[in-house]
Structures are given as structure tokens and as C-alpha cells.
Amino acid sequence: MKDLMGLIKQAREMQDKVQDAQAQVAALEVEGRSGASMVTITLTGDYSVKALKIDPDLLNGAEVEIVEDLIVAAFQDAKVRLNEAQAETMKSAFGDIQLPPGMKMPF
């Protein structure tokens, strides 16, 4: 019976950790940059674009295709940074949990 109670307690603790980690991930904000930081995109934890900043000097005489490419590159940079930040958040939240080989967390 103690083993069952222990498992229930561990399951509740894990559920609390999952909820805390999900809240931390949702609160993340990262910036992606391109073109020597002439284009900056801020992404939130759910991959929503919060802000887009373009250096006015970039727009003076620049071709539209160049600006578009820099925006895409900044978004991709932000996406990579967000993935890394999310992985680090999960690692710090669940680093002490030993999962069987090949099993991954569900996020």
C-alpha cells in the first residue's frame, strides 16, 4: 500500500512540475535577428510574433526581396532560440526524472 501511495505522490509531483514547466515555456520571449540586427523579431513561447523591428536605414533603397529574406531569417533565428530555451526549461524542470531509454517527455 505504501508503494501505491508513493506512486500517487510522485504522479502528483510530476503533474505539478509539468504545469510549472508549461507556464514557464508559455512565458518565454526570445529575439531573432538578421542582417547585423537590422531586422529583429520577438517570439513568445507559443511561437506568436510579438514584435517586428526593422532598422529604417534598411528600407532606404533596399529591394523588397532583401527585406523579406531578412524577415524570414530573423524568424528562423528566433524559432531556433525559442526551441533551445524551451528545451532548457524542460531540462531544468525534469532533469532529475529518469525515463526509460527511448522514452521522451510529451512536449
PDB file of N, CA and C in Angstrom:
ATOM      1  N   MET A   1       0.817  -1.193   0.000  1.00  0.00           N
ATOM      2  CA  MET A   1       0.000   0.000   0.000  1.00  0.00           C
ATOM      3  C   MET A   1       0.863   1.260   0.000  1.00  0.00           C
ATOM      4  N   LYS A   2       1.989   1.197   0.731  1.00  0.00           N
ATOM      5  CA  LYS A   2       2.885   2.357   0.752  1.00  0.00           C
ATOM      6  C   LYS A   2       3.433   2.641  -0.637  1.00  0.00           C
ATOM      7  N   ASP A   3       3.708   1.564  -1.396  1.00  0.00           N
ATOM      8  CA  ASP A   3       4.226   1.756  -2.746  1.00  0.00           C
ATOM      9  C   ASP A   3       3.213   2.485  -3.620  1.00  0.00           C
ATOM     10  N   LEU A   4       1.949   2.117  -3.483  1.00  0.00           N
ATOM     11  CA  LEU A   4       0.901   2.765  -4.264  1.00  0.00           C
ATOM     12  C   LEU A   4       0.772   4.234  -3.884  1.00  0.00           C
ATOM     13  N   MET A   5       0.816   4.520  -2.608  1.00  0.00           N
ATOM     14  CA  MET A   5       0.736   5.911  -2.153  1.00  0.00           C
ATOM     15  C   MET A   5       1.951   6.705  -2.640  1.00  0.00           C
ATOM     16  N   GLY A   6       3.101   6.062  -2.629  1.00  0.00           N
ATOM     17  CA  GLY A   6       4.305   6.715  -3.128  1.00  0.00           C
ATOM     18  C   GLY A   6       4.199   7.039  -4.607  1.00  0.00           C
ATOM     19  N   LEU A   7       3.644   6.096  -5.381  1.00  0.00           N
ATOM     20  CA  LEU A   7       3.459   6.332  -6.813  1.00  0.00           C
ATOM     21  C   LEU A   7       2.467   7.463  -7.064  1.00  0.00           C
ATOM     22  N   ILE A   8       1.406   7.501  -6.287  1.00  0.00           N
ATOM     23  CA  ILE A   8       0.417   8.573  -6.433  1.00  0.00           C
ATOM     24  C   ILE A   8       1.054   9.921  -6.113  1.00  0.00           C
ATOM     25  N   LYS A   9       1.852   9.948  -5.075  1.00  0.00           N
ATOM     26  CA  LYS A   9       2.538  11.188  -4.700  1.00  0.00           C
ATOM     27  C   LYS A   9       3.486  11.634  -5.814  1.00  0.00           C
ATOM     28  N   GLN A  10       4.249  10.678  -6.371  1.00  0.00           N
ATOM     29  CA  GLN A  10       5.168  11.009  -7.463  1.00  0.00           C
ATOM     30  C   GLN A  10       4.401  11.524  -8.684  1.00  0.00           C
ATOM     31  N   ALA A  11       3.259  10.901  -8.972  1.00  0.00           N
ATOM     32  CA  ALA A  11       2.457  11.336 -10.120  1.00  0.00           C
ATOM     33  C   ALA A  11       1.959  12.765  -9.921  1.00  0.00           C
ATOM     34  N   ARG A  12       1.542  13.093  -8.716  1.00  0.00           N
ATOM     35  CA  ARG A  12       1.088  14.460  -8.437  1.00  0.00           C
ATOM     36  C   ARG A  12       2.236  15.455  -8.555  1.00  0.00           C
ATOM     37  N   GLU A  13       3.399  15.069  -8.036  1.00  0.00           N
ATOM     38  CA  GLU A  13       4.566  15.949  -8.140  1.00  0.00           C
ATOM     39  C   GLU A  13       4.934  16.171  -9.600  1.00  0.00           C
ATOM     40  N   MET A  14       4.876  15.103 -10.387  1.00  0.00           N
ATOM     41  CA  MET A  14       5.194  15.218 -11.808  1.00  0.00           C
ATOM     42  C   MET A  14       4.178  16.116 -12.497  1.00  0.00           C
ATOM     43  N   GLN A  15       2.915  15.975 -12.162  1.00  0.00           N
ATOM     44  CA  GLN A  15       1.880  16.821 -12.751  1.00  0.00           C
ATOM     45  C   GLN A  15       2.124  18.291 -12.409  1.00  0.00           C
ATOM     46  N   ASP A  16       2.500  18.562 -11.172  1.00  0.00           N
ATOM     47  CA  ASP A  16       2.817  19.935 -10.772  1.00  0.00           C
ATOM     48  C   ASP A  16       4.007  20.467 -11.556  1.00  0.00           C
ATOM     49  N   LYS A  17       5.029  19.624 -11.735  1.00  0.00           N
ATOM     50  CA  LYS A  17       6.207  20.048 -12.495  1.00  0.00           C
ATOM     51  C   LYS A  17       5.844  20.337 -13.946  1.00  0.00           C
ATOM     52  N   VAL A  18       4.998  19.493 -14.519  1.00  0.00           N
ATOM     53  CA  VAL A  18       4.574  19.700 -15.908  1.00  0.00           C
ATOM     54  C   VAL A  18       3.847  21.034 -16.034  1.00  0.00           C
ATOM     55  N   GLN A  19       2.931  21.311 -15.127  1.00  0.00           N
ATOM     56  CA  GLN A  19       2.189  22.570 -15.181  1.00  0.00           C
ATOM     57  C   GLN A  19       3.116  23.768 -15.003  1.00  0.00           C
ATOM     58  N   ASP A  20       4.058  23.666 -14.077  1.00  0.00           N
ATOM     59  CA  ASP A  20       5.016  24.759 -13.878  1.00  0.00           C
ATOM     60  C   ASP A  20       5.873  24.965 -15.121  1.00  0.00           C
ATOM     61  N   ALA A  21       6.360  23.865 -15.699  1.00  0.00           N
ATOM     62  CA  ALA A  21       7.203  23.967 -16.890  1.00  0.00           C
ATOM     63  C   ALA A  21       6.424  24.550 -18.061  1.00  0.00           C
ATOM     64  N   GLN A  22       5.171  24.140 -18.218  1.00  0.00           N
ATOM     65  CA  GLN A  22       4.354  24.678 -19.304  1.00  0.00           C
ATOM     66  C   GLN A  22       4.124  26.176 -19.129  1.00  0.00           C
ATOM     67  N   ALA A  23       3.930  26.612 -17.907  1.00  0.00           N
ATOM     68  CA  ALA A  23       3.763  28.046 -17.643  1.00  0.00           C
ATOM     69  C   ALA A  23       5.047  28.799 -17.955  1.00  0.00           C
ATOM     70  N   GLN A  24       6.187  28.209 -17.601  1.00  0.00           N
ATOM     71  CA  GLN A  24       7.472  28.854 -17.892  1.00  0.00           C
ATOM     72  C   GLN A  24       7.694  28.951 -19.396  1.00  0.00           C
ATOM     73  N   VAL A  25       7.370  27.885 -20.122  1.00  0.00           N
ATOM     74  CA  VAL A  25       7.535  27.892 -21.580  1.00  0.00           C
ATOM     75  C   VAL A  25       6.616  28.939 -22.206  1.00  0.00           C
ATOM     76  N   ALA A  26       5.381  29.018 -21.745  1.00  0.00           N
ATOM     77  CA  ALA A  26       4.436  29.996 -22.293  1.00  0.00           C
ATOM     78  C   ALA A  26       4.913  31.427 -22.058  1.00  0.00           C
ATOM     79  N   ALA A  27       5.631  31.645 -20.970  1.00  0.00           N
ATOM     80  CA  ALA A  27       6.101  32.993 -20.628  1.00  0.00           C
ATOM     81  C   ALA A  27       7.396  33.376 -21.343  1.00  0.00           C
ATOM     82  N   LEU A  28       8.005  32.432 -22.045  1.00  0.00           N
ATOM     83  CA  LEU A  28       9.266  32.731 -22.725  1.00  0.00           C
ATOM     84  C   LEU A  28       9.067  33.773 -23.821  1.00  0.00           C
ATOM     85  N   GLU A  29      10.079  34.601 -24.004  1.00  0.00           N
ATOM     86  CA  GLU A  29      10.161  35.517 -25.139  1.00  0.00           C
ATOM     87  C   GLU A  29      11.599  35.503 -25.622  1.00  0.00           C
ATOM     88  N   VAL A  30      11.774  35.347 -26.918  1.00  0.00           N
ATOM     89  CA  VAL A  30      13.116  35.358 -27.492  1.00  0.00           C
ATOM     90  C   VAL A  30      13.130  36.286 -28.693  1.00  0.00           C
ATOM     91  N   GLU A  31      14.324  36.800 -28.991  1.00  0.00           N
ATOM     92  CA  GLU A  31      14.507  37.644 -30.166  1.00  0.00           C
ATOM     93  C   GLU A  31      15.364  36.913 -31.181  1.00  0.00           C
ATOM     94  N   GLY A  32      14.950  37.003 -32.426  1.00  0.00           N
ATOM     95  CA  GLY A  32      15.750  36.513 -33.537  1.00  0.00           C
ATOM     96  C   GLY A  32      16.192  37.714 -34.347  1.00  0.00           C
ATOM     97  N   ARG A  33      17.416  37.640 -34.857  1.00  0.00           N
ATOM     98  CA  ARG A  33      17.972  38.783 -35.593  1.00  0.00           C
ATOM     99  C   ARG A  33      18.574  38.323 -36.916  1.00  0.00           C
ATOM    100  N   SER A  34      18.602  39.252 -37.848  1.00  0.00           N
ATOM    101  CA  SER A  34      19.300  39.002 -39.108  1.00  0.00           C
ATOM    102  C   SER A  34      19.798  40.330 -39.655  1.00  0.00           C
ATOM    103  N   GLY A  35      20.681  40.229 -40.652  1.00  0.00           N
ATOM    104  CA  GLY A  35      21.205  41.437 -41.283  1.00  0.00           C
ATOM    105  C   GLY A  35      21.893  42.352 -40.307  1.00  0.00           C
ATOM    106  N   ALA A  36      22.795  41.797 -39.492  1.00  0.00           N
ATOM    107  CA  ALA A  36      23.516  42.575 -38.475  1.00  0.00           C
ATOM    108  C   ALA A  36      22.531  43.303 -37.560  1.00  0.00           C
ATOM    109  N   SER A  37      21.496  42.589 -37.173  1.00  0.00           N
ATOM    110  CA  SER A  37      20.441  43.087 -36.271  1.00  0.00           C
ATOM    111  C   SER A  37      19.599  44.208 -36.878  1.00  0.00           C
ATOM    112  N   MET A  38      19.595  44.312 -38.208  1.00  0.00           N
ATOM    113  CA  MET A  38      18.744  45.316 -38.844  1.00  0.00           C
ATOM    114  C   MET A  38      17.280  44.885 -38.829  1.00  0.00           C
ATOM    115  N   VAL A  39      17.055  43.569 -38.699  1.00  0.00           N
ATOM    116  CA  VAL A  39      15.705  43.032 -38.555  1.00  0.00           C
ATOM    117  C   VAL A  39      15.689  42.198 -37.282  1.00  0.00           C
ATOM    118  N   THR A  40      14.715  42.474 -36.407  1.00  0.00           N
ATOM    119  CA  THR A  40      14.576  41.745 -35.149  1.00  0.00           C
ATOM    120  C   THR A  40      13.124  41.317 -34.989  1.00  0.00           C
ATOM    121  N   ILE A  41      12.936  40.038 -34.659  1.00  0.00           N
ATOM    122  CA  ILE A  41      11.598  39.508 -34.400  1.00  0.00           C
ATOM    123  C   ILE A  41      11.578  38.958 -32.985  1.00  0.00           C
ATOM    124  N   THR A  42      10.522  39.272 -32.248  1.00  0.00           N
ATOM    125  CA  THR A  42      10.327  38.723 -30.910  1.00  0.00           C
ATOM    126  C   THR A  42       9.210  37.690 -30.973  1.00  0.00           C
ATOM    127  N   LEU A  43       9.534  36.455 -30.538  1.00  0.00           N
ATOM    128  CA  LEU A  43       8.550  35.378 -30.475  1.00  0.00           C
ATOM    129  C   LEU A  43       8.217  35.071 -29.026  1.00  0.00           C
ATOM    130  N   THR A  44       6.961  34.681 -28.804  1.00  0.00           N
ATOM    131  CA  THR A  44       6.551  34.224 -27.480  1.00  0.00           C
ATOM    132  C   THR A  44       6.660  32.701 -27.428  1.00  0.00           C
ATOM    133  N   GLY A  45       6.432  32.147 -26.259  1.00  0.00           N
ATOM    134  CA  GLY A  45       6.573  30.708 -26.052  1.00  0.00           C
ATOM    135  C   GLY A  45       5.678  29.849 -26.921  1.00  0.00           C
ATOM    136  N   ASP A  46       4.601  30.407 -27.451  1.00  0.00           N
ATOM    137  CA  ASP A  46       3.722  29.635 -28.332  1.00  0.00           C
ATOM    138  C   ASP A  46       3.958  29.976 -29.808  1.00  0.00           C
ATOM    139  N   TYR A  47       5.118  30.547 -30.102  1.00  0.00           N
ATOM    140  CA  TYR A  47       5.557  30.886 -31.460  1.00  0.00           C
ATOM    141  C   TYR A  47       4.752  32.021 -32.085  1.00  0.00           C
ATOM    142  N   SER A  48       4.079  32.817 -31.275  1.00  0.00           N
ATOM    143  CA  SER A  48       3.408  34.002 -31.805  1.00  0.00           C
ATOM    144  C   SER A  48       4.430  35.122 -31.961  1.00  0.00           C
ATOM    145  N   VAL A  49       4.285  35.891 -33.029  1.00  0.00           N
ATOM    146  CA  VAL A  49       5.169  37.030 -33.236  1.00  0.00           C
ATOM    147  C   VAL A  49       4.651  38.177 -32.378  1.00  0.00           C
ATOM    148  N   LYS A  50       5.477  38.616 -31.442  1.00  0.00           N
ATOM    149  CA  LYS A  50       5.091  39.715 -30.555  1.00  0.00           C
ATOM    150  C   LYS A  50       5.518  41.057 -31.136  1.00  0.00           C
ATOM    151  N   ALA A  51       6.672  41.068 -31.780  1.00  0.00           N
ATOM    152  CA  ALA A  51       7.175  42.336 -32.319  1.00  0.00           C
ATOM    153  C   ALA A  51       8.062  42.077 -33.530  1.00  0.00           C
ATOM    154  N   LEU A  52       8.071  43.038 -34.425  1.00  0.00           N
ATOM    155  CA  LEU A  52       8.950  43.044 -35.590  1.00  0.00           C
ATOM    156  C   LEU A  52       9.544  44.437 -35.680  1.00  0.00           C
ATOM    157  N   LYS A  53      10.869  44.510 -35.672  1.00  0.00           N
ATOM    158  CA  LYS A  53      11.545  45.803 -35.781  1.00  0.00           C
ATOM    159  C   LYS A  53      12.460  45.766 -36.996  1.00  0.00           C
ATOM    160  N   ILE A  54      12.359  46.816 -37.795  1.00  0.00           N
ATOM    161  CA  ILE A  54      13.201  46.946 -38.981  1.00  0.00           C
ATOM    162  C   ILE A  54      13.918  48.279 -38.892  1.00  0.00           C
ATOM    163  N   ASP A  55      15.223  48.235 -38.989  1.00  0.00           N
ATOM    164  CA  ASP A  55      16.025  49.453 -38.972  1.00  0.00           C
ATOM    165  C   ASP A  55      15.623  50.298 -40.183  1.00  0.00           C
ATOM    166  N   PRO A  56      15.252  51.555 -39.978  1.00  0.00           N
ATOM    167  CA  PRO A  56      14.824  52.411 -41.094  1.00  0.00           C
ATOM    168  C   PRO A  56      15.867  52.518 -42.204  1.00  0.00           C
ATOM    169  N   ASP A  57      17.139  52.424 -41.865  1.00  0.00           N
ATOM    170  CA  ASP A  57      18.182  52.504 -42.891  1.00  0.00           C
ATOM    171  C   ASP A  57      18.074  51.357 -43.895  1.00  0.00           C
ATOM    172  N   LEU A  58      17.552  50.231 -43.453  1.00  0.00           N
ATOM    173  CA  LEU A  58      17.409  49.079 -44.338  1.00  0.00           C
ATOM    174  C   LEU A  58      16.397  49.362 -45.441  1.00  0.00           C
ATOM    175  N   LEU A  59      15.405  50.158 -45.136  1.00  0.00           N
ATOM    176  CA  LEU A  59      14.340  50.421 -46.102  1.00  0.00           C
ATOM    177  C   LEU A  59      14.717  51.465 -47.142  1.00  0.00           C
ATOM    178  N   ASN A  60      15.746  52.226 -46.888  1.00  0.00           N
ATOM    179  CA  ASN A  60      16.183  53.251 -47.841  1.00  0.00           C
ATOM    180  C   ASN A  60      16.889  52.602 -49.017  1.00  0.00           C
ATOM    181  N   GLY A  61      16.178  52.463 -50.108  1.00  0.00           N
ATOM    182  CA  GLY A  61      16.774  51.946 -51.329  1.00  0.00           C
ATOM    183  C   GLY A  61      16.929  50.441 -51.374  1.00  0.00           C
ATOM    184  N   ALA A  62      16.511  49.725 -50.365  1.00  0.00           N
ATOM    185  CA  ALA A  62      16.643  48.272 -50.376  1.00  0.00           C
ATOM    186  C   ALA A  62      15.547  47.656 -51.237  1.00  0.00           C
ATOM    187  N   GLU A  63      15.892  46.560 -51.853  1.00  0.00           N
ATOM    188  CA  GLU A  63      14.895  45.840 -52.618  1.00  0.00           C
ATOM    189  C   GLU A  63      13.986  45.081 -51.659  1.00  0.00           C
ATOM    190  N   VAL A  64      12.737  44.984 -52.021  1.00  0.00           N
ATOM    191  CA  VAL A  64      11.750  44.318 -51.178  1.00  0.00           C
ATOM    192  C   VAL A  64      12.174  42.881 -50.883  1.00  0.00           C
ATOM    193  N   GLU A  65      12.728  42.193 -51.864  1.00  0.00           N
ATOM    194  CA  GLU A  65      13.118  40.797 -51.676  1.00  0.00           C
ATOM    195  C   GLU A  65      14.175  40.654 -50.585  1.00  0.00           C
ATOM    196  N   ILE A  66      15.078  41.597 -50.500  1.00  0.00           N
ATOM    197  CA  ILE A  66      16.122  41.546 -49.471  1.00  0.00           C
ATOM    198  C   ILE A  66      15.495  41.691 -48.088  1.00  0.00           C
ATOM    199  N   VAL A  67      14.599  42.646 -47.948  1.00  0.00           N
ATOM    200  CA  VAL A  67      13.925  42.853 -46.663  1.00  0.00           C
ATOM    201  C   VAL A  67      13.116  41.612 -46.293  1.00  0.00           C
ATOM    202  N   GLU A  68      12.406  41.050 -47.262  1.00  0.00           N
ATOM    203  CA  GLU A  68      11.626  39.838 -46.997  1.00  0.00           C
ATOM    204  C   GLU A  68      12.519  38.694 -46.535  1.00  0.00           C
ATOM    205  N   ASP A  69      13.649  38.516 -47.203  1.00  0.00           N
ATOM    206  CA  ASP A  69      14.586  37.456 -46.815  1.00  0.00           C
ATOM    207  C   ASP A  69      15.114  37.666 -45.400  1.00  0.00           C
ATOM    208  N   LEU A  70      15.395  38.906 -45.052  1.00  0.00           N
ATOM    209  CA  LEU A  70      15.898  39.193 -43.707  1.00  0.00           C
ATOM    210  C   LEU A  70      14.830  38.940 -42.638  1.00  0.00           C
ATOM    211  N   ILE A  71      13.582  39.227 -42.966  1.00  0.00           N
ATOM    212  CA  ILE A  71      12.497  38.946 -42.018  1.00  0.00           C
ATOM    213  C   ILE A  71      12.374  37.441 -41.797  1.00  0.00           C
ATOM    214  N   VAL A  72      12.408  36.684 -42.876  1.00  0.00           N
ATOM    215  CA  VAL A  72      12.336  35.222 -42.756  1.00  0.00           C
ATOM    216  C   VAL A  72      13.519  34.695 -41.952  1.00  0.00           C
ATOM    217  N   ALA A  73      14.710  35.205 -42.223  1.00  0.00           N
ATOM    218  CA  ALA A  73      15.901  34.756 -41.492  1.00  0.00           C
ATOM    219  C   ALA A  73      15.799  35.095 -40.007  1.00  0.00           C
ATOM    220  N   ALA A  74      15.276  36.266 -39.691  1.00  0.00           N
ATOM    221  CA  ALA A  74      15.113  36.654 -38.284  1.00  0.00           C
ATOM    222  C   ALA A  74      14.100  35.746 -37.595  1.00  0.00           C
ATOM    223  N   PHE A  75      13.034  35.399 -38.300  1.00  0.00           N
ATOM    224  CA  PHE A  75      12.042  34.489 -37.727  1.00  0.00           C
ATOM    225  C   PHE A  75      12.664  33.122 -37.461  1.00  0.00           C
ATOM    226  N   GLN A  76      13.413  32.615 -38.417  1.00  0.00           N
ATOM    227  CA  GLN A  76      14.052  31.306 -38.230  1.00  0.00           C
ATOM    228  C   GLN A  76      15.032  31.337 -37.060  1.00  0.00           C
ATOM    229  N   ASP A  77      15.773  32.423 -36.926  1.00  0.00           N
ATOM    230  CA  ASP A  77      16.705  32.569 -35.805  1.00  0.00           C
ATOM    231  C   ASP A  77      15.942  32.568 -34.481  1.00  0.00           C
ATOM    232  N   ALA A  78      14.835  33.292 -34.436  1.00  0.00           N
ATOM    233  CA  ALA A  78      14.022  33.335 -33.213  1.00  0.00           C
ATOM    234  C   ALA A  78      13.452  31.958 -32.900  1.00  0.00           C
ATOM    235  N   LYS A  79      13.037  31.235 -33.920  1.00  0.00           N
ATOM    236  CA  LYS A  79      12.472  29.897 -33.728  1.00  0.00           C
ATOM    237  C   LYS A  79      13.511  28.952 -33.128  1.00  0.00           C
ATOM    238  N   VAL A  80      14.724  28.993 -33.642  1.00  0.00           N
ATOM    239  CA  VAL A  80      15.804  28.160 -33.103  1.00  0.00           C
ATOM    240  C   VAL A  80      16.073  28.527 -31.647  1.00  0.00           C
ATOM    241  N   ARG A  81      16.145  29.819 -31.368  1.00  0.00           N
ATOM    242  CA  ARG A  81      16.398  30.268 -29.990  1.00  0.00           C
ATOM    243  C   ARG A  81      15.268  29.851 -29.048  1.00  0.00           C
ATOM    244  N   LEU A  82      14.031  29.921 -29.530  1.00  0.00           N
ATOM    245  CA  LEU A  82      12.900  29.518 -28.702  1.00  0.00           C
ATOM    246  C   LEU A  82      12.934  28.018 -28.434  1.00  0.00           C
ATOM    247  N   ASN A  83      13.233  27.227 -29.449  1.00  0.00           N
ATOM    248  CA  ASN A  83      13.348  25.780 -29.246  1.00  0.00           C
ATOM    249  C   ASN A  83      14.413  25.461 -28.207  1.00  0.00           C
ATOM    250  N   GLU A  84      15.546  26.151 -28.281  1.00  0.00           N
ATOM    251  CA  GLU A  84      16.619  25.932 -27.309  1.00  0.00           C
ATOM    252  C   GLU A  84      16.180  26.345 -25.901  1.00  0.00           C
ATOM    253  N   ALA A  85      15.497  27.480 -25.795  1.00  0.00           N
ATOM    254  CA  ALA A  85      15.038  27.952 -24.484  1.00  0.00           C
ATOM    255  C   ALA A  85      13.996  27.006 -23.899  1.00  0.00           C
ATOM    256  N   GLN A  86      13.107  26.496 -24.752  1.00  0.00           N
ATOM    257  CA  GLN A  86      12.105  25.543 -24.277  1.00  0.00           C
ATOM    258  C   GLN A  86      12.767  24.257 -23.795  1.00  0.00           C
ATOM    259  N   ALA A  87      13.734  23.762 -24.556  1.00  0.00           N
ATOM    260  CA  ALA A  87      14.431  22.535 -24.162  1.00  0.00           C
ATOM    261  C   ALA A  87      15.157  22.729 -22.840  1.00  0.00           C
ATOM    262  N   GLU A  88      15.784  23.876 -22.667  1.00  0.00           N
ATOM    263  CA  GLU A  88      16.497  24.157 -21.416  1.00  0.00           C
ATOM    264  C   GLU A  88      15.524  24.261 -20.245  1.00  0.00           C
ATOM    265  N   THR A  89      14.372  24.870 -20.477  1.00  0.00           N
ATOM    266  CA  THR A  89      13.356  24.970 -19.425  1.00  0.00           C
ATOM    267  C   THR A  89      12.880  23.582 -19.011  1.00  0.00           C
ATOM    268  N   MET A  90      12.614  22.734 -19.984  1.00  0.00           N
ATOM    269  CA  MET A  90      12.164  21.377 -19.676  1.00  0.00           C
ATOM    270  C   MET A  90      13.267  20.583 -18.980  1.00  0.00           C
ATOM    271  N   LYS A  91      14.488  20.762 -19.444  1.00  0.00           N
ATOM    272  CA  LYS A  91      15.608  20.037 -18.837  1.00  0.00           C
ATOM    273  C   LYS A  91      15.769  20.435 -17.378  1.00  0.00           C
ATOM    274  N   SER A  92      15.669  21.721 -17.095  1.00  0.00           N
ATOM    275  CA  SER A  92      15.835  22.162 -15.709  1.00  0.00           C
ATOM    276  C   SER A  92      14.654  21.724 -14.849  1.00  0.00           C
ATOM    277  N   ALA A  93      13.474  21.622 -15.443  1.00  0.00           N
ATOM    278  CA  ALA A  93      12.297  21.200 -14.679  1.00  0.00           C
ATOM    279  C   ALA A  93      12.275  19.697 -14.434  1.00  0.00           C
ATOM    280  N   PHE A  94      12.800  18.932 -15.384  1.00  0.00           N
ATOM    281  CA  PHE A  94      12.688  17.477 -15.295  1.00  0.00           C
ATOM    282  C   PHE A  94      14.029  16.760 -15.292  1.00  0.00           C
ATOM    283  N   GLY A  95      15.094  17.481 -15.072  1.00  0.00           N
ATOM    284  CA  GLY A  95      16.421  16.880 -15.122  1.00  0.00           C
ATOM    285  C   GLY A  95      16.623  15.739 -14.153  1.00  0.00           C
ATOM    286  N   ASP A  96      15.895  15.727 -13.050  1.00  0.00           N
ATOM    287  CA  ASP A  96      16.080  14.683 -12.047  1.00  0.00           C
ATOM    288  C   ASP A  96      15.208  13.460 -12.290  1.00  0.00           C
ATOM    289  N   ILE A  97      14.369  13.493 -13.306  1.00  0.00           N
ATOM    290  CA  ILE A  97      13.487  12.363 -13.591  1.00  0.00           C
ATOM    291  C   ILE A  97      14.185  11.421 -14.561  1.00  0.00           C
ATOM    292  N   GLN A  98      14.280  10.178 -14.187  1.00  0.00           N
ATOM    293  CA  GLN A  98      14.917   9.168 -15.021  1.00  0.00           C
ATOM    294  C   GLN A  98      13.850   8.438 -15.831  1.00  0.00           C
ATOM    295  N   LEU A  99      13.878   8.608 -17.135  1.00  0.00           N
ATOM    296  CA  LEU A  99      12.943   7.925 -18.012  1.00  0.00           C
ATOM    297  C   LEU A  99      13.628   6.722 -18.644  1.00  0.00           C
ATOM    298  N   PRO A 100      12.854   5.696 -18.992  1.00  0.00           N
ATOM    299  CA  PRO A 100      13.444   4.548 -19.676  1.00  0.00           C
ATOM    300  C   PRO A 100      14.056   4.978 -21.006  1.00  0.00           C
ATOM    301  N   PRO A 101      15.067   4.249 -21.488  1.00  0.00           N
ATOM    302  CA  PRO A 101      15.702   4.598 -22.767  1.00  0.00           C
ATOM    303  C   PRO A 101      14.674   4.685 -23.894  1.00  0.00           C
ATOM    304  N   GLY A 102      14.788   5.720 -24.689  1.00  0.00           N
ATOM    305  CA  GLY A 102      13.904   5.916 -25.829  1.00  0.00           C
ATOM    306  C   GLY A 102      12.609   6.638 -25.510  1.00  0.00           C
ATOM    307  N   MET A 103      12.309   6.793 -24.241  1.00  0.00           N
ATOM    308  CA  MET A 103      11.073   7.487 -23.859  1.00  0.00           C
ATOM    309  C   MET A 103      11.364   8.966 -23.688  1.00  0.00           C
ATOM    310  N   LYS A 104      10.504   9.795 -24.265  1.00  0.00           N
ATOM    311  CA  LYS A 104      10.685  11.239 -24.181  1.00  0.00           C
ATOM    312  C   LYS A 104       9.487  11.859 -23.486  1.00  0.00           C
ATOM    313  N   MET A 105       9.715  13.062 -22.965  1.00  0.00           N
ATOM    314  CA  MET A 105       8.617  13.800 -22.364  1.00  0.00           C
ATOM    315  C   MET A 105       7.614  14.141 -23.462  1.00  0.00           C
ATOM    316  N   PRO A 106       6.340  14.309 -23.115  1.00  0.00           N
ATOM    317  CA  PRO A 106       5.309  14.531 -24.136  1.00  0.00           C
ATOM    318  C   PRO A 106       5.220  15.948 -24.662  1.00  0.00           C
ATOM    319  N   PHE A 107       6.302  16.719 -24.668  1.00  0.00           N
ATOM    320  CA  PHE A 107       6.239  18.054 -25.222  1.00  0.00           C
ATOM    321  C   PHE A 107       7.452  18.353 -26.028  1.00  0.00           C
TER     322      PHE A 107
END
